[in-house]
PDB file of N, CA and C in Angstrom:
ATOM      1  N   UNK A   1       7.377   7.272 -20.158  1.00  0.00           N
ATOM      2  CA  UNK A   1       7.804   8.198 -19.120  1.00  0.00           C
ATOM      3  C   UNK A   1       9.311   8.015 -18.914  1.00  0.00           C
ATOM      4  N   UNK A   2      10.048   9.117 -18.914  1.00  0.00           N
ATOM      5  CA  UNK A   2      11.493   9.029 -18.736  1.00  0.00           C
ATOM      6  C   UNK A   2      11.824   8.754 -17.273  1.00  0.00           C
ATOM      7  N   UNK A   3      13.007   8.297 -17.058  1.00  0.00           N
ATOM      8  CA  UNK A   3      13.470   7.977 -15.707  1.00  0.00           C
ATOM      9  C   UNK A   3      13.349   9.182 -14.761  1.00  0.00           C
ATOM     10  N   UNK A   4      13.836  10.377 -15.146  1.00  0.00           N
ATOM     11  CA  UNK A   4      13.673  11.531 -14.254  1.00  0.00           C
ATOM     12  C   UNK A   4      12.203  11.864 -13.984  1.00  0.00           C
ATOM     13  N   UNK A   5      11.354  11.711 -14.993  1.00  0.00           N
ATOM     14  CA  UNK A   5       9.933  12.003 -14.785  1.00  0.00           C
ATOM     15  C   UNK A   5       9.296  11.009 -13.822  1.00  0.00           C
ATOM     16  N   UNK A   6       9.741   9.766 -13.871  1.00  0.00           N
ATOM     17  CA  UNK A   6       9.217   8.762 -12.934  1.00  0.00           C
ATOM     18  C   UNK A   6       9.633   9.115 -11.503  1.00  0.00           C
ATOM     19  N   UNK A   7      10.888   9.505 -11.322  1.00  0.00           N
ATOM     20  CA  UNK A   7      11.361   9.927 -10.000  1.00  0.00           C
ATOM     21  C   UNK A   7      10.572  11.153  -9.553  1.00  0.00           C
ATOM     22  N   UNK A   8      10.331  12.090 -10.471  1.00  0.00           N
ATOM     23  CA  UNK A   8       9.586  13.307 -10.172  1.00  0.00           C
ATOM     24  C   UNK A   8       8.190  12.958  -9.672  1.00  0.00           C
ATOM     25  N   UNK A   9       7.560  12.017 -10.350  1.00  0.00           N
ATOM     26  CA  UNK A   9       6.220  11.577  -9.966  1.00  0.00           C
ATOM     27  C   UNK A   9       6.223  10.943  -8.569  1.00  0.00           C
ATOM     28  N   UNK A  10       7.241  10.130  -8.297  1.00  0.00           N
ATOM     29  CA  UNK A  10       7.333   9.483  -6.989  1.00  0.00           C
ATOM     30  C   UNK A  10       7.570  10.504  -5.881  1.00  0.00           C
ATOM     31  N   UNK A  11       8.408  11.480  -6.146  1.00  0.00           N
ATOM     32  CA  UNK A  11       8.636  12.542  -5.151  1.00  0.00           C
ATOM     33  C   UNK A  11       7.360  13.356  -4.949  1.00  0.00           C
ATOM     34  N   UNK A  12       6.618  13.562  -6.030  1.00  0.00           N
ATOM     35  CA  UNK A  12       5.345  14.263  -5.924  1.00  0.00           C
ATOM     36  C   UNK A  12       4.343  13.499  -5.077  1.00  0.00           C
ATOM     37  N   UNK A  13       4.347  12.172  -5.203  1.00  0.00           N
ATOM     38  CA  UNK A  13       3.465  11.350  -4.371  1.00  0.00           C
ATOM     39  C   UNK A  13       3.875  11.438  -2.900  1.00  0.00           C
ATOM     40  N   UNK A  14       5.170  11.466  -2.658  1.00  0.00           N
ATOM     41  CA  UNK A  14       5.657  11.497  -1.283  1.00  0.00           C
ATOM     42  C   UNK A  14       5.384  12.833  -0.605  1.00  0.00           C
ATOM     43  N   UNK A  15       5.577  13.936  -1.328  1.00  0.00           N
ATOM     44  CA  UNK A  15       5.512  15.260  -0.712  1.00  0.00           C
ATOM     45  C   UNK A  15       4.310  16.090  -1.170  1.00  0.00           C
ATOM     46  N   UNK A  16       3.491  15.544  -2.023  1.00  0.00           N
ATOM     47  CA  UNK A  16       2.265  16.205  -2.448  1.00  0.00           C
ATOM     48  C   UNK A  16       2.499  17.488  -3.232  1.00  0.00           C
ATOM     49  N   UNK A  17       1.509  18.361  -3.177  1.00  0.00           N
ATOM     50  CA  UNK A  17       1.536  19.609  -3.938  1.00  0.00           C
ATOM     51  C   UNK A  17       2.723  20.485  -3.565  1.00  0.00           C
ATOM     52  N   UNK A  18       3.197  20.364  -2.339  1.00  0.00           N
ATOM     53  CA  UNK A  18       4.334  21.182  -1.901  1.00  0.00           C
ATOM     54  C   UNK A  18       5.559  20.915  -2.772  1.00  0.00           C
ATOM     55  N   UNK A  19       5.734  19.670  -3.208  1.00  0.00           N
ATOM     56  CA  UNK A  19       6.884  19.342  -4.049  1.00  0.00           C
ATOM     57  C   UNK A  19       6.801  20.098  -5.371  1.00  0.00           C
ATOM     58  N   UNK A  20       5.629  20.064  -6.001  1.00  0.00           N
ATOM     59  CA  UNK A  20       5.462  20.736  -7.290  1.00  0.00           C
ATOM     60  C   UNK A  20       5.512  22.260  -7.156  1.00  0.00           C
ATOM     61  N   UNK A  21       4.999  22.789  -6.057  1.00  0.00           N
ATOM     62  CA  UNK A  21       5.096  24.243  -5.830  1.00  0.00           C
ATOM     63  C   UNK A  21       6.561  24.653  -5.705  1.00  0.00           C
ATOM     64  N   UNK A  22       7.333  23.843  -5.019  1.00  0.00           N
ATOM     65  CA  UNK A  22       8.741  24.157  -4.771  1.00  0.00           C
ATOM     66  C   UNK A  22       9.611  23.971  -6.013  1.00  0.00           C
ATOM     67  N   UNK A  23       9.346  22.887  -6.775  1.00  0.00           N
ATOM     68  CA  UNK A  23      10.258  22.514  -7.861  1.00  0.00           C
ATOM     69  C   UNK A  23       9.656  22.547  -9.264  1.00  0.00           C
ATOM     70  N   UNK A  24       8.355  22.761  -9.386  1.00  0.00           N
ATOM     71  CA  UNK A  24       7.727  22.799 -10.707  1.00  0.00           C
ATOM     72  C   UNK A  24       7.157  21.451 -11.111  1.00  0.00           C
ATOM     73  N   UNK A  25       6.411  21.466 -12.197  1.00  0.00           N
ATOM     74  CA  UNK A  25       5.724  20.260 -12.670  1.00  0.00           C
ATOM     75  C   UNK A  25       6.654  19.269 -13.371  1.00  0.00           C
ATOM     76  N   UNK A  26       7.748  19.743 -13.904  1.00  0.00           N
ATOM     77  CA  UNK A  26       8.710  18.899 -14.627  1.00  0.00           C
ATOM     78  C   UNK A  26      10.098  19.076 -14.019  1.00  0.00           C
ATOM     79  N   UNK A  27      10.913  18.023 -14.047  1.00  0.00           N
ATOM     80  CA  UNK A  27      12.267  18.158 -13.501  1.00  0.00           C
ATOM     81  C   UNK A  27      13.120  19.123 -14.326  1.00  0.00           C
ATOM     82  N   UNK A  28      13.858  19.975 -13.637  1.00  0.00           N
ATOM     83  CA  UNK A  28      14.774  20.911 -14.288  1.00  0.00           C
ATOM     84  C   UNK A  28      15.987  20.151 -14.811  1.00  0.00           C
ATOM     85  N   UNK A  29      16.777  20.813 -15.626  1.00  0.00           N
ATOM     86  CA  UNK A  29      17.934  20.188 -16.252  1.00  0.00           C
ATOM     87  C   UNK A  29      18.898  19.565 -15.229  1.00  0.00           C
ATOM     88  N   UNK A  30      19.187  20.269 -14.140  1.00  0.00           N
ATOM     89  CA  UNK A  30      20.113  19.711 -13.136  1.00  0.00           C
ATOM     90  C   UNK A  30      19.541  18.465 -12.475  1.00  0.00           C
ATOM     91  N   UNK A  31      18.223  18.457 -12.211  1.00  0.00           N
ATOM     92  CA  UNK A  31      17.587  17.261 -11.654  1.00  0.00           C
ATOM     93  C   UNK A  31      17.695  16.104 -12.651  1.00  0.00           C
ATOM     94  N   UNK A  32      17.453  16.384 -13.927  1.00  0.00           N
ATOM     95  CA  UNK A  32      17.570  15.336 -14.949  1.00  0.00           C
ATOM     96  C   UNK A  32      18.971  14.737 -14.948  1.00  0.00           C
ATOM     97  N   UNK A  33      19.973  15.591 -14.937  1.00  0.00           N
ATOM     98  CA  UNK A  33      21.361  15.114 -14.949  1.00  0.00           C
ATOM     99  C   UNK A  33      21.669  14.277 -13.715  1.00  0.00           C
ATOM    100  N   UNK A  34      21.194  14.736 -12.559  1.00  0.00           N
ATOM    101  CA  UNK A  34      21.460  14.013 -11.313  1.00  0.00           C
ATOM    102  C   UNK A  34      20.801  12.642 -11.320  1.00  0.00           C
ATOM    103  N   UNK A  35      19.576  12.579 -11.786  1.00  0.00           N
ATOM    104  CA  UNK A  35      18.864  11.287 -11.815  1.00  0.00           C
ATOM    105  C   UNK A  35      19.555  10.319 -12.766  1.00  0.00           C
ATOM    106  N   UNK A  36      19.972  10.799 -13.921  1.00  0.00           N
ATOM    107  CA  UNK A  36      20.649   9.915 -14.875  1.00  0.00           C
ATOM    108  C   UNK A  36      22.013   9.450 -14.353  1.00  0.00           C
ATOM    109  N   UNK A  37      22.631  10.224 -13.475  1.00  0.00           N
ATOM    110  CA  UNK A  37      23.941   9.849 -12.927  1.00  0.00           C
ATOM    111  C   UNK A  37      23.835   8.791 -11.823  1.00  0.00           C
ATOM    112  N   UNK A  38      22.640   8.580 -11.291  1.00  0.00           N
ATOM    113  CA  UNK A  38      22.437   7.604 -10.212  1.00  0.00           C
ATOM    114  C   UNK A  38      21.976   6.266 -10.780  1.00  0.00           C
ATOM    115  N   UNK A  39      22.268   5.208 -10.049  1.00  0.00           N
ATOM    116  CA  UNK A  39      21.781   3.894 -10.452  1.00  0.00           C
ATOM    117  C   UNK A  39      20.346   3.702  -9.954  1.00  0.00           C
ATOM    118  N   UNK A  40      19.666   2.715 -10.517  1.00  0.00           N
ATOM    119  CA  UNK A  40      18.306   2.407 -10.051  1.00  0.00           C
ATOM    120  C   UNK A  40      18.308   2.055  -8.570  1.00  0.00           C
ATOM    121  N   UNK A  41      19.294   1.280  -8.155  1.00  0.00           N
ATOM    122  CA  UNK A  41      19.387   0.866  -6.755  1.00  0.00           C
ATOM    123  C   UNK A  41      19.567   2.089  -5.847  1.00  0.00           C
ATOM    124  N   UNK A  42      20.388   3.036  -6.267  1.00  0.00           N
ATOM    125  CA  UNK A  42      20.590   4.251  -5.478  1.00  0.00           C
ATOM    126  C   UNK A  42      19.298   5.055  -5.370  1.00  0.00           C
ATOM    127  N   UNK A  43      18.559   5.149  -6.458  1.00  0.00           N
ATOM    128  CA  UNK A  43      17.313   5.917  -6.445  1.00  0.00           C
ATOM    129  C   UNK A  43      16.288   5.264  -5.531  1.00  0.00           C
ATOM    130  N   UNK A  44      16.133   3.957  -5.627  1.00  0.00           N
ATOM    131  CA  UNK A  44      15.191   3.249  -4.756  1.00  0.00           C
ATOM    132  C   UNK A  44      15.586   3.450  -3.295  1.00  0.00           C
ATOM    133  N   UNK A  45      16.874   3.314  -3.001  1.00  0.00           N
ATOM    134  CA  UNK A  45      17.362   3.532  -1.633  1.00  0.00           C
ATOM    135  C   UNK A  45      17.168   4.966  -1.183  1.00  0.00           C
ATOM    136  N   UNK A  46      17.389   5.913  -2.093  1.00  0.00           N
ATOM    137  CA  UNK A  46      17.221   7.324  -1.759  1.00  0.00           C
ATOM    138  C   UNK A  46      15.778   7.666  -1.436  1.00  0.00           C
ATOM    139  N   UNK A  47      14.847   7.137  -2.214  1.00  0.00           N
ATOM    140  CA  UNK A  47      13.433   7.373  -1.934  1.00  0.00           C
ATOM    141  C   UNK A  47      13.046   6.764  -0.590  1.00  0.00           C
ATOM    142  N   UNK A  48      13.583   5.586  -0.301  1.00  0.00           N
ATOM    143  CA  UNK A  48      13.314   4.951   0.994  1.00  0.00           C
ATOM    144  C   UNK A  48      13.905   5.785   2.130  1.00  0.00           C
ATOM    145  N   UNK A  49      15.118   6.279   1.942  1.00  0.00           N
ATOM    146  CA  UNK A  49      15.744   7.114   2.970  1.00  0.00           C
ATOM    147  C   UNK A  49      14.935   8.381   3.213  1.00  0.00           C
ATOM    148  N   UNK A  50      14.472   9.017   2.149  1.00  0.00           N
ATOM    149  CA  UNK A  50      13.660  10.230   2.301  1.00  0.00           C
ATOM    150  C   UNK A  50      12.361   9.933   3.032  1.00  0.00           C
ATOM    151  N   UNK A  51      11.747   8.802   2.712  1.00  0.00           N
ATOM    152  CA  UNK A  51      10.492   8.428   3.377  1.00  0.00           C
ATOM    153  C   UNK A  51      10.711   8.201   4.869  1.00  0.00           C
ATOM    154  N   UNK A  52      11.845   7.637   5.229  1.00  0.00           N
ATOM    155  CA  UNK A  52      12.128   7.345   6.634  1.00  0.00           C
ATOM    156  C   UNK A  52      12.659   8.539   7.419  1.00  0.00           C
ATOM    157  N   UNK A  53      13.085   9.604   6.728  1.00  0.00           N
ATOM    158  CA  UNK A  53      13.621  10.767   7.427  1.00  0.00           C
ATOM    159  C   UNK A  53      12.533  11.659   8.005  1.00  0.00           C
ATOM    160  N   UNK A  54      11.320  11.527   7.532  1.00  0.00           N
ATOM    161  CA  UNK A  54      10.226  12.337   8.063  1.00  0.00           C
ATOM    162  C   UNK A  54      10.358  13.814   7.737  1.00  0.00           C
ATOM    163  N   UNK A  55      10.847  14.138   6.555  1.00  0.00           N
ATOM    164  CA  UNK A  55      10.992  15.539   6.154  1.00  0.00           C
ATOM    165  C   UNK A  55       9.622  16.210   6.072  1.00  0.00           C
ATOM    166  N   UNK A  56       9.554  17.443   6.517  1.00  0.00           N
ATOM    167  CA  UNK A  56       8.292  18.184   6.426  1.00  0.00           C
ATOM    168  C   UNK A  56       8.244  19.045   5.169  1.00  0.00           C
ATOM    169  N   UNK A  57       9.394  19.235   4.521  1.00  0.00           N
ATOM    170  CA  UNK A  57       9.458  19.998   3.281  1.00  0.00           C
ATOM    171  C   UNK A  57      10.049  19.118   2.199  1.00  0.00           C
ATOM    172  N   UNK A  58       9.725  19.392   0.928  1.00  0.00           N
ATOM    173  CA  UNK A  58      10.323  18.619  -0.155  1.00  0.00           C
ATOM    174  C   UNK A  58      11.842  18.760  -0.150  1.00  0.00           C
ATOM    175  N   UNK A  59      12.550  17.713  -0.520  1.00  0.00           N
ATOM    176  CA  UNK A  59      14.012  17.783  -0.513  1.00  0.00           C
ATOM    177  C   UNK A  59      14.544  18.660  -1.641  1.00  0.00           C
ATOM    178  N   UNK A  60      15.679  19.271  -1.385  1.00  0.00           N
ATOM    179  CA  UNK A  60      16.396  19.979  -2.443  1.00  0.00           C
ATOM    180  C   UNK A  60      17.117  18.929  -3.277  1.00  0.00           C
ATOM    181  N   UNK A  61      17.698  19.350  -4.367  1.00  0.00           N
ATOM    182  CA  UNK A  61      18.454  18.418  -5.202  1.00  0.00           C
ATOM    183  C   UNK A  61      19.605  17.797  -4.419  1.00  0.00           C
ATOM    184  N   UNK A  62      20.320  18.607  -3.659  1.00  0.00           N
ATOM    185  CA  UNK A  62      21.460  18.074  -2.898  1.00  0.00           C
ATOM    186  C   UNK A  62      20.989  17.099  -1.820  1.00  0.00           C
ATOM    187  N   UNK A  63      19.840  17.347  -1.195  1.00  0.00           N
ATOM    188  CA  UNK A  63      19.300  16.402  -0.200  1.00  0.00           C
ATOM    189  C   UNK A  63      18.896  15.085  -0.861  1.00  0.00           C
ATOM    190  N   UNK A  64      18.307  15.179  -2.040  1.00  0.00           N
ATOM    191  CA  UNK A  64      17.905  13.979  -2.766  1.00  0.00           C
ATOM    192  C   UNK A  64      19.126  13.134  -3.136  1.00  0.00           C
ATOM    193  N   UNK A  65      20.141  13.772  -3.693  1.00  0.00           N
ATOM    194  CA  UNK A  65      21.354  13.047  -4.086  1.00  0.00           C
ATOM    195  C   UNK A  65      22.032  12.430  -2.862  1.00  0.00           C
ATOM    196  N   UNK A  66      22.105  13.180  -1.772  1.00  0.00           N
ATOM    197  CA  UNK A  66      22.715  12.651  -0.537  1.00  0.00           C
ATOM    198  C   UNK A  66      21.938  11.444  -0.030  1.00  0.00           C
ATOM    199  N   UNK A  67      20.610  11.503  -0.086  1.00  0.00           N
ATOM    200  CA  UNK A  67      19.783  10.370   0.354  1.00  0.00           C
ATOM    201  C   UNK A  67      20.023   9.158  -0.533  1.00  0.00           C
ATOM    202  N   UNK A  68      20.253   9.389  -1.818  1.00  0.00           N
ATOM    203  CA  UNK A  68      20.497   8.287  -2.761  1.00  0.00           C
ATOM    204  C   UNK A  68      21.863   7.650  -2.558  1.00  0.00           C
ATOM    205  N   UNK A  69      22.808   8.411  -2.056  1.00  0.00           N
ATOM    206  CA  UNK A  69      24.168   7.885  -1.878  1.00  0.00           C
ATOM    207  C   UNK A  69      24.371   7.212  -0.529  1.00  0.00           C
ATOM    208  N   UNK A  70      23.399   7.387   0.395  1.00  0.00           N
ATOM    209  CA  UNK A  70      23.465   6.687   1.683  1.00  0.00           C
ATOM    210  C   UNK A  70      22.968   5.264   1.490  1.00  0.00           C
ATOM    211  N   UNK A  71      23.401   4.343   2.348  1.00  0.00           N
ATOM    212  CA  UNK A  71      22.849   2.985   2.264  1.00  0.00           C
ATOM    213  C   UNK A  71      21.344   3.007   2.510  1.00  0.00           C
ATOM    214  N   UNK A  72      20.638   2.177   1.783  1.00  0.00           N
ATOM    215  CA  UNK A  72      19.183   2.096   1.948  1.00  0.00           C
ATOM    216  C   UNK A  72      18.851   1.509   3.313  1.00  0.00           C
ATOM    217  N   UNK A  73      17.715   1.907   3.885  1.00  0.00           N
ATOM    218  CA  UNK A  73      17.317   1.330   5.174  1.00  0.00           C
ATOM    219  C   UNK A  73      17.011  -0.151   5.018  1.00  0.00           C
ATOM    220  N   UNK A  74      17.295  -0.908   6.061  1.00  0.00           N
ATOM    221  CA  UNK A  74      17.041  -2.354   6.006  1.00  0.00           C
ATOM    222  C   UNK A  74      15.619  -2.687   6.414  1.00  0.00           C
ATOM    223  N   UNK A  75      15.042  -1.869   7.286  1.00  0.00           N
ATOM    224  CA  UNK A  75      13.696  -2.140   7.787  1.00  0.00           C
ATOM    225  C   UNK A  75      12.821  -0.910   7.620  1.00  0.00           C
ATOM    226  N   UNK A  76      11.533  -1.132   7.663  1.00  0.00           N
ATOM    227  CA  UNK A  76      10.603  -0.021   7.680  1.00  0.00           C
ATOM    228  C   UNK A  76      10.253   0.546   6.321  1.00  0.00           C
ATOM    229  N   UNK A  77      10.617  -0.144   5.260  1.00  0.00           N
ATOM    230  CA  UNK A  77      10.303   0.352   3.930  1.00  0.00           C
ATOM    231  C   UNK A  77       9.834  -0.806   3.080  1.00  0.00           C
ATOM    232  N   UNK A  78       8.728  -0.600   2.410  1.00  0.00           N
ATOM    233  CA  UNK A  78       8.194  -1.607   1.495  1.00  0.00           C
ATOM    234  C   UNK A  78       8.137  -0.966   0.120  1.00  0.00           C
ATOM    235  N   UNK A  79       8.735  -1.602  -0.856  1.00  0.00           N
ATOM    236  CA  UNK A  79       8.662  -1.070  -2.206  1.00  0.00           C
ATOM    237  C   UNK A  79       7.217  -1.089  -2.666  1.00  0.00           C
ATOM    238  N   UNK A  80       6.779   0.001  -3.248  1.00  0.00           N
ATOM    239  CA  UNK A  80       5.394   0.056  -3.704  1.00  0.00           C
ATOM    240  C   UNK A  80       5.130  -0.947  -4.809  1.00  0.00           C
ATOM    241  N   UNK A  81       6.168  -1.360  -5.536  1.00  0.00           N
ATOM    242  CA  UNK A  81       5.964  -2.342  -6.604  1.00  0.00           C
ATOM    243  C   UNK A  81       5.643  -3.720  -6.036  1.00  0.00           C
ATOM    244  N   UNK A  82       5.898  -3.924  -4.742  1.00  0.00           N
ATOM    245  CA  UNK A  82       5.638  -5.215  -4.124  1.00  0.00           C
ATOM    246  C   UNK A  82       4.215  -5.315  -3.585  1.00  0.00           C
ATOM    247  N   UNK A  83       3.504  -4.206  -3.537  1.00  0.00           N
ATOM    248  CA  UNK A  83       2.159  -4.206  -2.991  1.00  0.00           C
ATOM    249  C   UNK A  83       1.182  -4.474  -4.118  1.00  0.00           C
ATOM    250  N   UNK A  84       0.515  -5.585  -4.037  1.00  0.00           N
ATOM    251  CA  UNK A  84      -0.413  -5.985  -5.081  1.00  0.00           C
ATOM    252  C   UNK A  84      -1.697  -5.163  -4.991  1.00  0.00           C
ATOM    253  N   UNK A  85      -2.198  -4.757  -6.132  1.00  0.00           N
ATOM    254  CA  UNK A  85      -3.456  -4.021  -6.183  1.00  0.00           C
ATOM    255  C   UNK A  85      -4.587  -5.031  -6.101  1.00  0.00           C
ATOM    256  N   UNK A  86      -5.271  -5.065  -4.961  1.00  0.00           N
ATOM    257  CA  UNK A  86      -6.320  -6.056  -4.739  1.00  0.00           C
ATOM    258  C   UNK A  86      -7.717  -5.460  -4.861  1.00  0.00           C
ATOM    259  N   UNK A  87      -7.789  -4.277  -5.473  1.00  0.00           N
ATOM    260  CA  UNK A  87      -9.113  -3.681  -5.643  1.00  0.00           C
ATOM    261  C   UNK A  87      -9.923  -4.504  -6.634  1.00  0.00           C
ATOM    262  N   UNK A  88     -11.182  -4.603  -6.364  1.00  0.00           N
ATOM    263  CA  UNK A  88     -12.072  -5.359  -7.238  1.00  0.00           C
ATOM    264  C   UNK A  88     -12.247  -4.624  -8.556  1.00  0.00           C
ATOM    265  N   UNK A  89     -12.307  -5.393  -9.641  1.00  0.00           N
ATOM    266  CA  UNK A  89     -12.562  -4.803 -10.943  1.00  0.00           C
ATOM    267  C   UNK A  89     -13.964  -4.215 -10.924  1.00  0.00           C
ATOM    268  N   UNK A  90     -14.106  -3.022 -11.425  1.00  0.00           N
ATOM    269  CA  UNK A  90     -15.404  -2.377 -11.451  1.00  0.00           C
ATOM    270  C   UNK A  90     -15.715  -1.582 -10.199  1.00  0.00           C
ATOM    271  N   UNK A  91     -14.789  -1.531  -9.271  1.00  0.00           N
ATOM    272  CA  UNK A  91     -14.998  -0.757  -8.046  1.00  0.00           C
ATOM    273  C   UNK A  91     -15.169   0.707  -8.407  1.00  0.00           C
ATOM    274  N   UNK A  92     -16.116   1.368  -7.790  1.00  0.00           N
ATOM    275  CA  UNK A  92     -16.363   2.770  -8.130  1.00  0.00           C
ATOM    276  C   UNK A  92     -15.281   3.673  -7.551  1.00  0.00           C
ATOM    277  N   UNK A  93     -15.054   4.759  -8.253  1.00  0.00           N
ATOM    278  CA  UNK A  93     -14.062   5.732  -7.802  1.00  0.00           C
ATOM    279  C   UNK A  93     -14.645   6.542  -6.650  1.00  0.00           C
ATOM    280  N   UNK A  94     -13.776   7.260  -5.959  1.00  0.00           N
ATOM    281  CA  UNK A  94     -14.230   8.119  -4.856  1.00  0.00           C
ATOM    282  C   UNK A  94     -15.194   9.169  -5.370  1.00  0.00           C
ATOM    283  N   UNK A  95     -14.911   9.723  -6.542  1.00  0.00           N
ATOM    284  CA  UNK A  95     -15.785  10.737  -7.122  1.00  0.00           C
ATOM    285  C   UNK A  95     -17.184  10.164  -7.377  1.00  0.00           C
ATOM    286  N   UNK A  96     -17.238   8.949  -7.935  1.00  0.00           N
ATOM    287  CA  UNK A  96     -18.536   8.304  -8.172  1.00  0.00           C
ATOM    288  C   UNK A  96     -19.268   8.074  -6.847  1.00  0.00           C
ATOM    289  N   UNK A  97     -18.545   7.619  -5.828  1.00  0.00           N
ATOM    290  CA  UNK A  97     -19.147   7.369  -4.519  1.00  0.00           C
ATOM    291  C   UNK A  97     -19.711   8.665  -3.939  1.00  0.00           C
ATOM    292  N   UNK A  98     -18.926   9.759  -4.058  1.00  0.00           N
ATOM    293  CA  UNK A  98     -19.365  11.040  -3.519  1.00  0.00           C
ATOM    294  C   UNK A  98     -20.624  11.524  -4.235  1.00  0.00           C
ATOM    295  N   UNK A  99     -20.671  11.359  -5.555  1.00  0.00           N
ATOM    296  CA  UNK A  99     -21.871  11.761  -6.296  1.00  0.00           C
ATOM    297  C   UNK A  99     -23.067  10.919  -5.904  1.00  0.00           C
ATOM    298  N   UNK A 100     -22.867   9.630  -5.727  1.00  0.00           N
ATOM    299  CA  UNK A 100     -23.927   8.725  -5.348  1.00  0.00           C
ATOM    300  C   UNK A 100     -24.453   9.032  -3.945  1.00  0.00           C
ATOM    301  N   UNK A 101     -23.583   9.451  -3.052  1.00  0.00           N
ATOM    302  CA  UNK A 101     -23.954   9.722  -1.657  1.00  0.00           C
ATOM    303  C   UNK A 101     -24.100  11.208  -1.354  1.00  0.00           C
ATOM    304  N   UNK A 102     -24.222  12.022  -2.378  1.00  0.00           N
ATOM    305  CA  UNK A 102     -24.418  13.468  -2.211  1.00  0.00           C
ATOM    306  C   UNK A 102     -23.397  14.111  -1.284  1.00  0.00           C
ATOM    307  N   UNK A 103     -22.159  13.714  -1.381  1.00  0.00           N
ATOM    308  CA  UNK A 103     -21.086  14.268  -0.538  1.00  0.00           C
ATOM    309  C   UNK A 103     -20.482  15.469  -1.208  1.00  0.00           C
TER     310      UNK A 103
END
């Protein structure tokens, strides 16, 4: 997965289907260029800033870049890479549970 696609996926997780409806399934050329021009630290900080801003709509490219260029928040943000997956091996999926419980 390329760097812009990873950012795209993370923005999709943050803003759900609205992000993909607004911007498409794949990052456009300008988004690709913008992501490659930013450092990893800026992108992580930008995603944290967007999460803390409480936006109700997906960010535009200029909003994303501005969020990446602001200092990252010091509190209230946990990197998802720091959260350990503690699910039990063999745990059933939600779909399996729903089928089992006639939901």
